[in-house]
């Protein structure tokens, strides 16, 4: 795996935390497939509140009836993103997938080595 630097493409996938793929959390399945594909990174962020195509508001507030809080997964890696998109088509049957250009200005692993 090469760490990205400079111009990159970011994929943000908005799905529900209760979404599954073959009895496994969908967010986990996406992260593991991104790892297997050799992408530079994937992160899962737990949303506080949001709504999507269903127009249902999902929130963490105590009196809310919803437990299906929004989850966003961000994966960024230049040319490999487009190769990864067909895998997302198989996994994400409900939700929103967004592509946007970004610039990676620093990518440092746990060892502290900056690979700019």
Protein backbone atom coordinates (compact mmCIF):
# COMPACT_ATOMS: atom_id res chain seq x y z
CA UNK A 1 0.00 0.00 0.00
CA UNK A 2 1.27 3.44 -0.95
CA UNK A 3 0.09 6.42 1.03
CA UNK A 4 -1.62 9.03 -1.10
CA UNK A 5 -0.23 12.50 -1.57
CA UNK A 6 -1.34 15.41 -3.71
CA UNK A 7 -4.58 15.19 -5.64
CA UNK A 8 -6.85 12.37 -4.49
CA UNK A 9 -10.43 11.18 -4.82
CA UNK A 10 -12.56 10.68 -1.71
CA UNK A 11 -15.61 8.48 -1.43
CA UNK A 12 -18.09 9.21 1.32
CA UNK A 13 -20.79 6.61 1.89
CA UNK A 14 -23.79 7.49 4.02
CA UNK A 15 -25.54 4.39 5.34
CA UNK A 16 -27.37 3.42 8.52
CA UNK A 17 -25.45 1.81 11.34
CA UNK A 18 -27.99 -1.03 11.38
CA UNK A 19 -27.40 -1.83 7.70
CA UNK A 20 -25.90 -5.28 7.19
CA UNK A 21 -24.38 -7.43 4.47
CA UNK A 22 -24.68 -11.19 5.08
CA UNK A 23 -25.32 -10.66 8.82
CA UNK A 24 -22.24 -8.41 9.25
CA UNK A 25 -22.36 -4.63 9.78
CA UNK A 26 -22.22 -3.02 6.34
CA UNK A 27 -19.74 -0.40 7.54
CA UNK A 28 -17.36 -3.14 8.67
CA UNK A 29 -17.74 -5.01 5.39
CA UNK A 30 -16.88 -1.87 3.40
CA UNK A 31 -13.82 -1.14 5.54
CA UNK A 32 -12.53 -4.70 5.20
CA UNK A 33 -13.08 -4.75 1.43
CA UNK A 34 -11.31 -1.38 1.10
CA UNK A 35 -8.39 -2.84 3.06
CA UNK A 36 -8.31 -5.96 0.87
CA UNK A 37 -8.33 -3.72 -2.22
CA UNK A 38 -5.20 -1.97 -0.96
CA UNK A 39 -6.81 1.44 -0.55
CA UNK A 40 -4.95 4.04 1.48
CA UNK A 41 -7.49 4.27 4.28
CA UNK A 42 -11.07 3.94 5.42
CA UNK A 43 -12.78 5.38 8.48
CA UNK A 44 -16.23 5.02 9.95
CA UNK A 45 -17.76 8.07 11.60
CA UNK A 46 -20.77 7.82 13.87
CA UNK A 47 -23.31 10.53 13.07
CA UNK A 48 -25.20 12.51 15.68
CA UNK A 49 -28.23 13.40 13.62
CA UNK A 50 -29.34 13.36 10.02
CA UNK A 51 -31.87 12.35 7.39
CA UNK A 52 -31.71 11.04 3.86
CA UNK A 53 -33.91 9.86 1.03
CA UNK A 54 -36.47 8.40 3.43
CA UNK A 55 -36.95 11.85 5.06
CA UNK A 56 -36.85 10.19 8.49
CA UNK A 57 -34.73 12.12 11.00
CA UNK A 58 -32.33 9.86 12.91
CA UNK A 59 -30.86 11.26 16.11
CA UNK A 60 -28.97 10.33 19.28
CA UNK A 61 -31.29 12.37 21.51
CA UNK A 62 -32.65 10.30 24.42
CA UNK A 63 -36.32 10.66 23.50
CA UNK A 64 -35.82 9.73 19.88
CA UNK A 65 -37.39 6.52 18.64
CA UNK A 66 -34.61 5.94 16.14
CA UNK A 67 -31.60 3.76 16.76
CA UNK A 68 -30.47 3.64 13.12
CA UNK A 69 -28.11 6.59 13.36
CA UNK A 70 -26.30 7.83 10.28
CA UNK A 71 -22.85 6.46 9.56
CA UNK A 72 -20.39 7.90 7.05
CA UNK A 73 -17.45 5.98 5.69
CA UNK A 74 -14.69 7.95 4.05
CA UNK A 75 -12.18 6.18 1.82
CA UNK A 76 -9.55 8.13 -0.05
CA UNK A 77 -7.00 6.93 -2.58
CA UNK A 78 -6.35 8.42 -5.99
CA UNK A 79 -6.78 6.02 -8.94
CA UNK A 80 -7.93 3.00 -6.94
CA UNK A 81 -11.23 4.57 -5.90
CA UNK A 82 -12.87 4.09 -9.30
CA UNK A 83 -11.72 0.47 -9.35
CA UNK A 84 -13.35 0.02 -5.93
CA UNK A 85 -16.74 1.49 -6.93
CA UNK A 86 -18.14 -1.78 -8.39
CA UNK A 87 -17.63 -3.41 -4.97
CA UNK A 88 -19.69 -0.63 -3.40
CA UNK A 89 -22.48 -1.23 -5.92
CA UNK A 90 -22.79 -4.76 -4.58
CA UNK A 91 -22.83 -3.65 -0.93
CA UNK A 92 -24.76 -0.37 -0.77
CA UNK A 93 -28.39 -0.99 -1.72
CA UNK A 94 -29.73 1.99 0.28
CA UNK A 95 -27.83 5.17 1.09
CA UNK A 96 -25.81 7.85 -0.60
CA UNK A 97 -22.37 7.51 -2.21
CA UNK A 98 -20.51 10.75 -2.96
CA UNK A 99 -17.25 11.28 -4.85
CA UNK A 100 -15.26 14.47 -4.47
CA UNK A 101 -11.77 15.67 -5.26
CA UNK A 102 -9.48 16.37 -2.34
CA UNK A 103 -5.83 17.09 -1.70
CA UNK A 104 -3.78 15.02 0.71
CA UNK A 105 -1.21 17.28 2.33
CA UNK A 106 0.18 14.79 4.84
CA UNK A 107 -0.07 11.06 5.38
CA UNK A 108 1.80 9.75 8.41
CA UNK A 109 1.52 6.23 9.79
CA UNK A 110 1.98 5.12 13.38
CA UNK A 111 5.74 4.86 12.85
CA UNK A 112 5.83 8.60 12.24
CA UNK A 113 7.26 8.39 8.73
CA UNK A 114 5.83 11.11 6.48
CA UNK A 115 5.50 9.80 2.92
CA UNK A 116 4.90 13.05 1.07
